[in-house]
Amino acid sequence: MKDIVIGDMFAKAMETYAAHFRFFIGLALCGAVLSAIEGVLSVSPDPLMRGVALMLIPASAGVYVLFYLMTLIAMSKILDGEAVDVPEMVAAAQGKLWRAFGAYALFFLIFCAGFFLLIIPGIYFGVIFSFFFYVILFEDRRVWDSFKRSEEIVKGNFWKVFGAHALVMLISAAVFGPVWGAMFLLGASKAWQAVATTVASAGLMPFFCCFYYQLYRALSKRADGTVAIKVYEKPE
């Protein structure tokens, strides 16, 4: 089995995102509109507006899941050298929406419960269940089966997948740090901070989708229990 080279996956994700930037950033920003509205209302001094923000959370989460699925479908088509059919992409995402939304909600509860139990269990669950979205979409598994399949995919490579997550967190910090710093220096209101954070998250989402799809595909196709994961390939 060919080694998985994290550096190559990041490079491929960047190349793919750059080549189709307008399509993916448009998709991501459309999916972030409701989240931005919810974020602005959540920091309002008006208790009524904060109450509306709470009621919007399920809807904004559902919209996020839908557009995340559409992004995954489009990325998988492009990486496999196929054309993206937008109506087909939307229909496929809608067909898996409720199952994916249910899994997302369950993952959120498991993740939060894990963090409540001294943080480490939350990190563990976050790593072993990394690929439940991908399993639902590309393997057509049910909610609980998607978690078991994700655990199977990660098995034997826990620390390496954890390392991939750590690199993603570092990239996120490199983006959010300047954004939050600029907001602070400009004296931006909490509402503008919420909007800026949502836009930055939306901008990163297609890149991370592409990276994790490559990692999922490589791990799920391995022939045995383990596969070498390297940060970069040493030149010969």
C-alpha atoms as a PDB file:
ATOM      1  CA  MET A   1       0.000   0.000   0.000  1.00  0.00           C
ATOM      2  CA  LYS A   2       1.377   3.381  -0.971  1.00  0.00           C
ATOM      3  CA  ASP A   3       2.241   5.648   1.943  1.00  0.00           C
ATOM      4  CA  ILE A   4      -0.104   8.513   2.749  1.00  0.00           C
ATOM      5  CA  VAL A   5       1.824  11.771   2.570  1.00  0.00           C
ATOM      6  CA  ILE A   6       0.064  14.541   4.482  1.00  0.00           C
ATOM      7  CA  GLY A   7       2.054  17.262   2.741  1.00  0.00           C
ATOM      8  CA  ASP A   8       0.939  15.994  -0.677  1.00  0.00           C
ATOM      9  CA  MET A   9      -2.690  15.985   0.462  1.00  0.00           C
ATOM     10  CA  PHE A  10      -2.483  19.566   1.685  1.00  0.00           C
ATOM     11  CA  ALA A  11      -0.857  20.598  -1.601  1.00  0.00           C
ATOM     12  CA  LYS A  12      -3.552  18.818  -3.623  1.00  0.00           C
ATOM     13  CA  ALA A  13      -6.290  20.396  -1.507  1.00  0.00           C
ATOM     14  CA  MET A  14      -4.820  23.857  -2.049  1.00  0.00           C
ATOM     15  CA  GLU A  15      -4.416  23.259  -5.788  1.00  0.00           C
ATOM     16  CA  THR A  16      -7.985  21.990  -6.164  1.00  0.00           C
ATOM     17  CA  TYR A  17      -9.471  24.817  -4.101  1.00  0.00           C
ATOM     18  CA  ALA A  18      -7.513  27.464  -6.012  1.00  0.00           C
ATOM     19  CA  ALA A  19      -8.531  26.028  -9.387  1.00  0.00           C
ATOM     20  CA  HIS A  20     -12.229  26.112  -8.470  1.00  0.00           C
ATOM     21  CA  PHE A  21     -12.152  28.959  -5.961  1.00  0.00           C
ATOM     22  CA  ARG A  22     -15.197  30.912  -7.137  1.00  0.00           C
ATOM     23  CA  PHE A  23     -17.414  27.835  -7.168  1.00  0.00           C
ATOM     24  CA  PHE A  24     -16.382  26.601  -3.728  1.00  0.00           C
ATOM     25  CA  ILE A  25     -16.257  29.966  -1.976  1.00  0.00           C
ATOM     26  CA  GLY A  26     -19.707  30.759  -3.365  1.00  0.00           C
ATOM     27  CA  LEU A  27     -21.017  27.442  -2.087  1.00  0.00           C
ATOM     28  CA  ALA A  28     -19.418  27.949   1.322  1.00  0.00           C
ATOM     29  CA  LEU A  29     -20.653  31.523   1.744  1.00  0.00           C
ATOM     30  CA  CYS A  30     -24.213  30.566   0.773  1.00  0.00           C
ATOM     31  CA  GLY A  31     -24.124  27.898   3.448  1.00  0.00           C
ATOM     32  CA  ALA A  32     -22.797  30.392   6.009  1.00  0.00           C
ATOM     33  CA  VAL A  33     -25.465  33.093   5.632  1.00  0.00           C
ATOM     34  CA  LEU A  34     -27.832  31.705   8.248  1.00  0.00           C
ATOM     35  CA  SER A  35     -24.938  30.968  10.613  1.00  0.00           C
ATOM     36  CA  ALA A  36     -23.801  34.585  10.289  1.00  0.00           C
ATOM     37  CA  ILE A  37     -27.288  35.856  11.088  1.00  0.00           C
ATOM     38  CA  GLU A  38     -27.509  33.537  14.089  1.00  0.00           C
ATOM     39  CA  GLY A  39     -24.075  34.707  15.258  1.00  0.00           C
ATOM     40  CA  VAL A  40     -25.021  38.386  15.019  1.00  0.00           C
ATOM     41  CA  LEU A  41     -28.276  37.861  16.902  1.00  0.00           C
ATOM     42  CA  SER A  42     -26.544  35.789  19.604  1.00  0.00           C
ATOM     43  CA  VAL A  43     -24.431  38.787  20.673  1.00  0.00           C
ATOM     44  CA  SER A  44     -27.313  41.252  20.619  1.00  0.00           C
ATOM     45  CA  PRO A  45     -28.013  43.105  23.891  1.00  0.00           C
ATOM     46  CA  ASP A  46     -31.710  42.439  23.280  1.00  0.00           C
ATOM     47  CA  PRO A  47     -32.851  39.221  25.062  1.00  0.00           C
ATOM     48  CA  LEU A  48     -35.533  38.707  22.398  1.00  0.00           C
ATOM     49  CA  MET A  49     -32.905  38.664  19.619  1.00  0.00           C
ATOM     50  CA  ARG A  50     -30.763  36.238  21.607  1.00  0.00           C
ATOM     51  CA  GLY A  51     -33.817  34.012  21.950  1.00  0.00           C
ATOM     52  CA  VAL A  52     -34.324  34.120  18.183  1.00  0.00           C
ATOM     53  CA  ALA A  53     -30.661  33.164  17.756  1.00  0.00           C
ATOM     54  CA  LEU A  54     -31.199  30.082  19.920  1.00  0.00           C
ATOM     55  CA  MET A  55     -34.177  29.059  17.809  1.00  0.00           C
ATOM     56  CA  LEU A  56     -32.094  29.469  14.647  1.00  0.00           C
ATOM     57  CA  ILE A  57     -29.372  27.063  15.788  1.00  0.00           C
ATOM     58  CA  PRO A  58     -31.021  23.859  14.433  1.00  0.00           C
ATOM     59  CA  ALA A  59     -31.810  25.536  11.110  1.00  0.00           C
ATOM     60  CA  SER A  60     -28.312  26.984  10.713  1.00  0.00           C
ATOM     61  CA  ALA A  61     -26.806  23.593  11.615  1.00  0.00           C
ATOM     62  CA  GLY A  62     -29.027  21.892   9.032  1.00  0.00           C
ATOM     63  CA  VAL A  63     -28.009  24.364   6.329  1.00  0.00           C
ATOM     64  CA  TYR A  64     -24.350  23.882   7.269  1.00  0.00           C
ATOM     65  CA  VAL A  65     -24.685  20.092   6.943  1.00  0.00           C
ATOM     66  CA  LEU A  66     -26.425  20.417   3.559  1.00  0.00           C
ATOM     67  CA  PHE A  67     -23.734  22.654   2.089  1.00  0.00           C
ATOM     68  CA  TYR A  68     -20.972  20.546   3.648  1.00  0.00           C
ATOM     69  CA  LEU A  69     -22.398  17.492   1.875  1.00  0.00           C
ATOM     70  CA  MET A  70     -22.627  19.389  -1.416  1.00  0.00           C
ATOM     71  CA  THR A  71     -19.011  20.519  -1.045  1.00  0.00           C
ATOM     72  CA  LEU A  72     -17.884  16.947  -0.381  1.00  0.00           C
ATOM     73  CA  ILE A  73     -19.746  15.668  -3.428  1.00  0.00           C
ATOM     74  CA  ALA A  74     -18.265  18.358  -5.669  1.00  0.00           C
ATOM     75  CA  MET A  75     -14.742  17.816  -4.300  1.00  0.00           C
ATOM     76  CA  SER A  76     -14.964  14.054  -4.803  1.00  0.00           C
ATOM     77  CA  LYS A  77     -16.096  14.519  -8.413  1.00  0.00           C
ATOM     78  CA  ILE A  78     -13.274  16.936  -9.197  1.00  0.00           C
ATOM     79  CA  LEU A  79     -10.601  14.774  -7.548  1.00  0.00           C
ATOM     80  CA  ASP A  80     -11.875  11.774  -9.495  1.00  0.00           C
ATOM     81  CA  GLY A  81     -11.674  13.760 -12.752  1.00  0.00           C
ATOM     82  CA  GLU A  82     -15.424  14.020 -13.257  1.00  0.00           C
ATOM     83  CA  ALA A  83     -17.603  17.026 -14.080  1.00  0.00           C
ATOM     84  CA  VAL A  84     -19.781  18.496 -11.327  1.00  0.00           C
ATOM     85  CA  ASP A  85     -23.481  18.336 -12.144  1.00  0.00           C
ATOM     86  CA  VAL A  86     -25.045  20.915  -9.808  1.00  0.00           C
ATOM     87  CA  PRO A  87     -28.656  19.582  -9.809  1.00  0.00           C
ATOM     88  CA  GLU A  88     -27.315  16.068  -9.220  1.00  0.00           C
ATOM     89  CA  MET A  89     -25.063  17.376  -6.433  1.00  0.00           C
ATOM     90  CA  VAL A  90     -27.976  19.106  -4.706  1.00  0.00           C
ATOM     91  CA  ALA A  91     -30.254  16.061  -5.038  1.00  0.00           C
ATOM     92  CA  ALA A  92     -27.582  13.700  -3.658  1.00  0.00           C
ATOM     93  CA  ALA A  93     -26.939  15.982  -0.673  1.00  0.00           C
ATOM     94  CA  GLN A  94     -30.645  16.350   0.048  1.00  0.00           C
ATOM     95  CA  GLY A  95     -31.030  12.571  -0.052  1.00  0.00           C
ATOM     96  CA  LYS A  96     -28.521  12.154   2.784  1.00  0.00           C
ATOM     97  CA  LEU A  97     -29.381  15.343   4.689  1.00  0.00           C
ATOM     98  CA  TRP A  98     -31.520  14.002   7.533  1.00  0.00           C
ATOM     99  CA  ARG A  99     -29.259  11.049   8.176  1.00  0.00           C
ATOM    100  CA  ALA A 100     -26.182  13.278   8.163  1.00  0.00           C
ATOM    101  CA  PHE A 101     -27.898  15.870  10.352  1.00  0.00           C
ATOM    102  CA  GLY A 102     -28.836  13.180  12.874  1.00  0.00           C
ATOM    103  CA  ALA A 103     -25.249  11.905  12.911  1.00  0.00           C
ATOM    104  CA  TYR A 104     -23.947  15.466  13.282  1.00  0.00           C
ATOM    105  CA  ALA A 105     -26.215  16.057  16.277  1.00  0.00           C
ATOM    106  CA  LEU A 106     -25.177  12.745  17.851  1.00  0.00           C
ATOM    107  CA  PHE A 107     -21.498  13.511  17.244  1.00  0.00           C
ATOM    108  CA  PHE A 108     -21.936  16.908  18.892  1.00  0.00           C
ATOM    109  CA  LEU A 109     -23.494  15.304  21.969  1.00  0.00           C
ATOM    110  CA  ILE A 110     -20.785  12.612  22.192  1.00  0.00           C
ATOM    111  CA  PHE A 111     -18.033  15.175  21.676  1.00  0.00           C
ATOM    112  CA  CYS A 112     -19.420  17.534  24.336  1.00  0.00           C
ATOM    113  CA  ALA A 113     -19.958  14.666  26.788  1.00  0.00           C
ATOM    114  CA  GLY A 114     -16.383  13.576  26.196  1.00  0.00           C
ATOM    115  CA  PHE A 115     -15.043  17.039  26.932  1.00  0.00           C
ATOM    116  CA  PHE A 116     -17.179  17.194  30.052  1.00  0.00           C
ATOM    117  CA  LEU A 117     -15.392  14.006  31.153  1.00  0.00           C
ATOM    118  CA  LEU A 118     -11.994  15.704  31.573  1.00  0.00           C
ATOM    119  CA  ILE A 119     -11.441  16.686  27.880  1.00  0.00           C
ATOM    120  CA  ILE A 120      -9.368  13.650  26.801  1.00  0.00           C
ATOM    121  CA  PRO A 121     -12.409  11.446  25.967  1.00  0.00           C
ATOM    122  CA  GLY A 122     -13.724  14.299  23.808  1.00  0.00           C
ATOM    123  CA  ILE A 123     -10.481  14.387  21.828  1.00  0.00           C
ATOM    124  CA  TYR A 124     -10.544  10.596  21.486  1.00  0.00           C
ATOM    125  CA  PHE A 125     -14.111  10.557  20.160  1.00  0.00           C
ATOM    126  CA  GLY A 126     -13.355  13.488  17.865  1.00  0.00           C
ATOM    127  CA  VAL A 127     -10.534  11.516  16.229  1.00  0.00           C
ATOM    128  CA  ILE A 128     -12.103   8.068  15.907  1.00  0.00           C
ATOM    129  CA  PHE A 129     -15.376   9.478  14.571  1.00  0.00           C
ATOM    130  CA  SER A 130     -13.665  11.877  12.149  1.00  0.00           C
ATOM    131  CA  PHE A 131     -15.120  10.348   9.009  1.00  0.00           C
ATOM    132  CA  PHE A 132     -18.790   9.709   9.816  1.00  0.00           C
ATOM    133  CA  PHE A 133     -19.967  12.303   7.244  1.00  0.00           C
ATOM    134  CA  TYR A 134     -17.876  10.646   4.542  1.00  0.00           C
ATOM    135  CA  VAL A 135     -19.113   7.172   5.409  1.00  0.00           C
ATOM    136  CA  ILE A 136     -22.770   8.261   5.263  1.00  0.00           C
ATOM    137  CA  LEU A 137     -22.271  10.014   1.944  1.00  0.00           C
ATOM    138  CA  PHE A 138     -19.969   7.630   0.089  1.00  0.00           C
ATOM    139  CA  GLU A 139     -20.777   4.274   1.715  1.00  0.00           C
ATOM    140  CA  ASP A 140     -24.482   4.849   2.399  1.00  0.00           C
ATOM    141  CA  ARG A 141     -24.269   3.688   6.024  1.00  0.00           C
ATOM    142  CA  ARG A 142     -26.809   4.386   8.751  1.00  0.00           C
ATOM    143  CA  VAL A 143     -26.062   6.776  11.589  1.00  0.00           C
ATOM    144  CA  TRP A 144     -24.582   4.411  14.160  1.00  0.00           C
ATOM    145  CA  ASP A 145     -22.910   2.281  11.485  1.00  0.00           C
ATOM    146  CA  SER A 146     -21.159   5.414  10.215  1.00  0.00           C
ATOM    147  CA  PHE A 147     -19.514   5.867  13.627  1.00  0.00           C
ATOM    148  CA  LYS A 148     -18.445   2.228  13.797  1.00  0.00           C
ATOM    149  CA  ARG A 149     -17.077   2.373  10.247  1.00  0.00           C
ATOM    150  CA  SER A 150     -15.190   5.602  11.033  1.00  0.00           C
ATOM    151  CA  GLU A 151     -13.610   3.914  14.053  1.00  0.00           C
ATOM    152  CA  GLU A 152     -12.609   0.999  11.820  1.00  0.00           C
ATOM    153  CA  ILE A 153     -11.003   3.389   9.312  1.00  0.00           C
ATOM    154  CA  VAL A 154      -8.994   5.173  11.999  1.00  0.00           C
ATOM    155  CA  LYS A 155      -7.994   1.970  13.827  1.00  0.00           C
ATOM    156  CA  GLY A 156      -4.231   1.491  13.843  1.00  0.00           C
ATOM    157  CA  ASN A 157      -3.586   5.093  12.862  1.00  0.00           C
ATOM    158  CA  PHE A 158      -5.090   7.017  15.774  1.00  0.00           C
ATOM    159  CA  TRP A 159      -2.075   9.190  16.543  1.00  0.00           C
ATOM    160  CA  LYS A 160      -1.407   9.878  12.892  1.00  0.00           C
ATOM    161  CA  VAL A 161      -4.977  11.004  12.285  1.00  0.00           C
ATOM    162  CA  PHE A 162      -4.730  13.028  15.482  1.00  0.00           C
ATOM    163  CA  GLY A 163      -1.603  14.649  14.028  1.00  0.00           C
ATOM    164  CA  ALA A 164      -3.509  15.513  10.853  1.00  0.00           C
ATOM    165  CA  HIS A 165      -6.167  17.179  12.998  1.00  0.00           C
ATOM    166  CA  ALA A 166      -3.448  19.091  14.828  1.00  0.00           C
ATOM    167  CA  LEU A 167      -2.094  20.438  11.527  1.00  0.00           C
ATOM    168  CA  VAL A 168      -5.597  21.517  10.548  1.00  0.00           C
ATOM    169  CA  MET A 169      -5.931  23.321  13.877  1.00  0.00           C
ATOM    170  CA  LEU A 170      -2.641  25.121  13.279  1.00  0.00           C
ATOM    171  CA  ILE A 171      -3.806  26.289   9.851  1.00  0.00           C
ATOM    172  CA  SER A 172      -7.096  27.457  11.369  1.00  0.00           C
ATOM    173  CA  ALA A 173      -5.195  29.382  14.038  1.00  0.00           C
ATOM    174  CA  ALA A 174      -3.027  30.990  11.348  1.00  0.00           C
ATOM    175  CA  VAL A 175      -6.211  32.257   9.655  1.00  0.00           C
ATOM    176  CA  PHE A 176      -8.334  33.155  12.664  1.00  0.00           C
ATOM    177  CA  GLY A 177      -5.487  34.821  14.556  1.00  0.00           C
ATOM    178  CA  PRO A 178      -5.054  37.708  12.092  1.00  0.00           C
ATOM    179  CA  VAL A 179      -8.835  38.006  11.617  1.00  0.00           C
ATOM    180  CA  TRP A 180      -9.490  38.338  15.336  1.00  0.00           C
ATOM    181  CA  GLY A 181      -6.452  40.591  15.728  1.00  0.00           C
ATOM    182  CA  ALA A 182      -7.733  42.924  13.017  1.00  0.00           C
ATOM    183  CA  MET A 183     -11.182  42.986  14.592  1.00  0.00           C
ATOM    184  CA  PHE A 184      -9.628  43.905  17.938  1.00  0.00           C
ATOM    185  CA  LEU A 185      -7.432  46.661  16.486  1.00  0.00           C
ATOM    186  CA  LEU A 186     -10.338  48.115  14.535  1.00  0.00           C
ATOM    187  CA  GLY A 187     -12.552  48.044  17.614  1.00  0.00           C
ATOM    188  CA  ALA A 188     -15.149  46.026  15.734  1.00  0.00           C
ATOM    189  CA  SER A 189     -18.430  45.273  17.450  1.00  0.00           C
ATOM    190  CA  LYS A 190     -19.288  41.753  18.573  1.00  0.00           C
ATOM    191  CA  ALA A 191     -21.684  41.495  15.630  1.00  0.00           C
ATOM    192  CA  TRP A 192     -18.908  42.212  13.112  1.00  0.00           C
ATOM    193  CA  GLN A 193     -16.628  39.792  14.946  1.00  0.00           C
ATOM    194  CA  ALA A 194     -19.287  37.098  14.565  1.00  0.00           C
ATOM    195  CA  VAL A 195     -19.633  37.826  10.844  1.00  0.00           C
ATOM    196  CA  ALA A 196     -15.853  37.828  10.288  1.00  0.00           C
ATOM    197  CA  THR A 197     -15.468  34.526  12.132  1.00  0.00           C
ATOM    198  CA  THR A 198     -18.252  32.928  10.088  1.00  0.00           C
ATOM    199  CA  VAL A 199     -16.793  34.148   6.790  1.00  0.00           C
ATOM    200  CA  ALA A 200     -13.305  32.902   7.733  1.00  0.00           C
ATOM    201  CA  SER A 201     -14.747  29.498   8.691  1.00  0.00           C
ATOM    202  CA  ALA A 202     -16.615  29.322   5.383  1.00  0.00           C
ATOM    203  CA  GLY A 203     -13.451  30.162   3.482  1.00  0.00           C
ATOM    204  CA  LEU A 204     -11.536  27.310   5.123  1.00  0.00           C
ATOM    205  CA  MET A 205     -14.277  24.698   4.823  1.00  0.00           C
ATOM    206  CA  PRO A 206     -13.741  23.629   1.154  1.00  0.00           C
ATOM    207  CA  PHE A 207      -9.990  23.282   1.691  1.00  0.00           C
ATOM    208  CA  PHE A 208     -10.481  21.049   4.722  1.00  0.00           C
ATOM    209  CA  CYS A 209     -13.183  19.043   2.931  1.00  0.00           C
ATOM    210  CA  CYS A 210     -10.726  18.264   0.150  1.00  0.00           C
ATOM    211  CA  PHE A 211      -7.950  17.322   2.564  1.00  0.00           C
ATOM    212  CA  TYR A 212     -10.097  15.053   4.734  1.00  0.00           C
ATOM    213  CA  TYR A 213     -11.714  13.427   1.704  1.00  0.00           C
ATOM    214  CA  GLN A 214      -8.280  12.392   0.453  1.00  0.00           C
ATOM    215  CA  LEU A 215      -7.362  11.063   3.882  1.00  0.00           C
ATOM    216  CA  TYR A 216     -10.661   9.186   4.191  1.00  0.00           C
ATOM    217  CA  ARG A 217     -10.303   7.653   0.735  1.00  0.00           C
ATOM    218  CA  ALA A 218      -6.727   6.524   1.338  1.00  0.00           C
ATOM    219  CA  LEU A 219      -7.438   5.018   4.761  1.00  0.00           C
ATOM    220  CA  SER A 220     -10.672   3.315   3.710  1.00  0.00           C
ATOM    221  CA  LYS A 221      -8.968   1.590   0.779  1.00  0.00           C
ATOM    222  CA  ARG A 222      -5.963   0.246   2.662  1.00  0.00           C
ATOM    223  CA  ALA A 223      -5.366  -3.436   2.202  1.00  0.00           C
ATOM    224  CA  ASP A 224      -4.369  -4.267   5.776  1.00  0.00           C
ATOM    225  CA  GLY A 225      -4.658  -2.909   9.302  1.00  0.00           C
ATOM    226  CA  THR A 226      -2.125  -0.105   9.062  1.00  0.00           C
ATOM    227  CA  VAL A 227      -0.673   2.268   6.512  1.00  0.00           C
ATOM    228  CA  ALA A 228       2.278   4.626   6.775  1.00  0.00           C
ATOM    229  CA  ILE A 229       1.288   8.263   7.169  1.00  0.00           C
ATOM    230  CA  LYS A 230       4.077  10.769   6.616  1.00  0.00           C
ATOM    231  CA  VAL A 231       4.118  14.543   6.935  1.00  0.00           C
ATOM    232  CA  TYR A 232       6.195  14.824   3.769  1.00  0.00           C
ATOM    233  CA  GLU A 233       8.046  12.590   1.314  1.00  0.00           C
ATOM    234  CA  LYS A 234      11.837  12.738   1.627  1.00  0.00           C
ATOM    235  CA  PRO A 235      13.534  13.326  -1.748  1.00  0.00           C
ATOM    236  CA  GLU A 236      15.493  10.353  -3.033  1.00  0.00           C
END
